[in-house]
Amino acid sequence: MRLTLLCASIAVTAEGCSTPPKPEGTAEQLCRSWREIGIRKADKITTDTAREIVANNEARPEWCGKVAEAKR
């Protein structure tokens, strides 16, 4: 009985996680709100976070067709 309940709860949990959320809005709306991410010297971030920031900033021109101007 416990094994059946465990399997059922795992199946329900896995099913809920397998469907990615559907994007809302248009590409134009996304591009209008997509801002370049900046960091400061005092920010403490991991190497993985730094990679994600760089990837985000490099992806915007690819997706939106214009280069984000960095606010300095």
C-alpha atoms as a PDB file:
ATOM      1  CA  MET A   1       0.000   0.000   0.000  1.00  0.00           C
ATOM      2  CA  ARG A   2       2.772   2.445   0.895  1.00  0.00           C
ATOM      3  CA  LEU A   3       4.594   1.649  -2.318  1.00  0.00           C
ATOM      4  CA  THR A   4       1.434   2.338  -4.336  1.00  0.00           C
ATOM      5  CA  LEU A   5       0.927   5.708  -2.640  1.00  0.00           C
ATOM      6  CA  LEU A   6       4.582   6.598  -3.123  1.00  0.00           C
ATOM      7  CA  CYS A   7       4.450   5.736  -6.822  1.00  0.00           C
ATOM      8  CA  ALA A   8       1.216   7.677  -7.269  1.00  0.00           C
ATOM      9  CA  SER A   9       2.592  10.779  -5.569  1.00  0.00           C
ATOM     10  CA  ILE A  10       5.796  10.637  -7.635  1.00  0.00           C
ATOM     11  CA  ALA A  11       3.768  10.304 -10.837  1.00  0.00           C
ATOM     12  CA  VAL A  12       1.579  13.305  -9.958  1.00  0.00           C
ATOM     13  CA  THR A  13       4.620  15.406  -9.014  1.00  0.00           C
ATOM     14  CA  ALA A  14       6.547  14.467 -12.160  1.00  0.00           C
ATOM     15  CA  GLU A  15       3.548  15.189 -14.366  1.00  0.00           C
ATOM     16  CA  GLY A  16       3.208  18.696 -12.950  1.00  0.00           C
ATOM     17  CA  CYS A  17       6.887  19.435 -13.576  1.00  0.00           C
ATOM     18  CA  SER A  18       7.027  18.079 -17.112  1.00  0.00           C
ATOM     19  CA  THR A  19       4.919  20.807 -18.706  1.00  0.00           C
ATOM     20  CA  PRO A  20       6.896  24.022 -19.243  1.00  0.00           C
ATOM     21  CA  PRO A  21       5.021  27.269 -18.717  1.00  0.00           C
ATOM     22  CA  LYS A  22       3.619  28.844 -21.861  1.00  0.00           C
ATOM     23  CA  PRO A  23       5.108  32.239 -22.688  1.00  0.00           C
ATOM     24  CA  GLU A  24       2.710  35.146 -22.551  1.00  0.00           C
ATOM     25  CA  GLY A  25       2.846  38.139 -24.847  1.00  0.00           C
ATOM     26  CA  THR A  26       4.560  38.797 -28.138  1.00  0.00           C
ATOM     27  CA  ALA A  27       8.230  38.872 -29.081  1.00  0.00           C
ATOM     28  CA  GLU A  28       7.937  42.650 -29.377  1.00  0.00           C
ATOM     29  CA  GLN A  29       6.685  42.902 -25.792  1.00  0.00           C
ATOM     30  CA  LEU A  30       9.490  40.648 -24.610  1.00  0.00           C
ATOM     31  CA  CYS A  31      12.121  42.721 -26.373  1.00  0.00           C
ATOM     32  CA  ARG A  32      10.747  45.992 -25.004  1.00  0.00           C
ATOM     33  CA  SER A  33      11.019  44.737 -21.438  1.00  0.00           C
ATOM     34  CA  TRP A  34      14.247  42.714 -21.789  1.00  0.00           C
ATOM     35  CA  ARG A  35      16.985  44.732 -20.143  1.00  0.00           C
ATOM     36  CA  GLU A  36      20.694  44.120 -20.071  1.00  0.00           C
ATOM     37  CA  ILE A  37      21.870  42.831 -16.715  1.00  0.00           C
ATOM     38  CA  GLY A  38      24.723  44.783 -15.198  1.00  0.00           C
ATOM     39  CA  ILE A  39      26.936  44.053 -12.228  1.00  0.00           C
ATOM     40  CA  ARG A  40      29.071  46.196  -9.963  1.00  0.00           C
ATOM     41  CA  LYS A  41      32.457  45.466  -8.468  1.00  0.00           C
ATOM     42  CA  ALA A  42      30.854  45.058  -5.040  1.00  0.00           C
ATOM     43  CA  ASP A  43      28.436  42.357  -6.280  1.00  0.00           C
ATOM     44  CA  LYS A  44      29.283  38.874  -5.122  1.00  0.00           C
ATOM     45  CA  ILE A  45      28.195  36.337  -7.736  1.00  0.00           C
ATOM     46  CA  THR A  46      29.184  32.797  -8.597  1.00  0.00           C
ATOM     47  CA  THR A  47      30.834  31.779 -11.838  1.00  0.00           C
ATOM     48  CA  ASP A  48      27.594  30.113 -12.951  1.00  0.00           C
ATOM     49  CA  THR A  49      25.636  33.313 -12.305  1.00  0.00           C
ATOM     50  CA  ALA A  50      28.199  35.316 -14.261  1.00  0.00           C
ATOM     51  CA  ARG A  51      27.814  32.909 -17.196  1.00  0.00           C
ATOM     52  CA  GLU A  52      24.019  33.302 -17.075  1.00  0.00           C
ATOM     53  CA  ILE A  53      24.327  37.100 -17.066  1.00  0.00           C
ATOM     54  CA  VAL A  54      26.673  37.043 -20.060  1.00  0.00           C
ATOM     55  CA  ALA A  55      24.409  34.586 -21.912  1.00  0.00           C
ATOM     56  CA  ASN A  56      21.364  36.772 -21.237  1.00  0.00           C
ATOM     57  CA  ASN A  57      23.126  39.908 -22.442  1.00  0.00           C
ATOM     58  CA  GLU A  58      24.422  38.173 -25.577  1.00  0.00           C
ATOM     59  CA  ALA A  59      21.043  36.579 -26.387  1.00  0.00           C
ATOM     60  CA  ARG A  60      19.080  39.825 -26.456  1.00  0.00           C
ATOM     61  CA  PRO A  61      20.550  41.136 -29.733  1.00  0.00           C
ATOM     62  CA  GLU A  62      20.091  37.683 -31.297  1.00  0.00           C
ATOM     63  CA  TRP A  63      16.419  37.537 -30.343  1.00  0.00           C
ATOM     64  CA  CYS A  64      15.518  41.190 -30.676  1.00  0.00           C
ATOM     65  CA  GLY A  65      17.805  42.353 -33.457  1.00  0.00           C
ATOM     66  CA  LYS A  66      19.365  45.279 -31.613  1.00  0.00           C
ATOM     67  CA  VAL A  67      22.267  45.695 -29.262  1.00  0.00           C
ATOM     68  CA  ALA A  68      21.455  46.714 -25.716  1.00  0.00           C
ATOM     69  CA  GLU A  69      23.238  49.821 -24.630  1.00  0.00           C
ATOM     70  CA  ALA A  70      24.954  49.359 -21.302  1.00  0.00           C
ATOM     71  CA  LYS A  71      24.134  51.945 -18.698  1.00  0.00           C
ATOM     72  CA  ARG A  72      27.383  52.997 -17.151  1.00  0.00           C
END
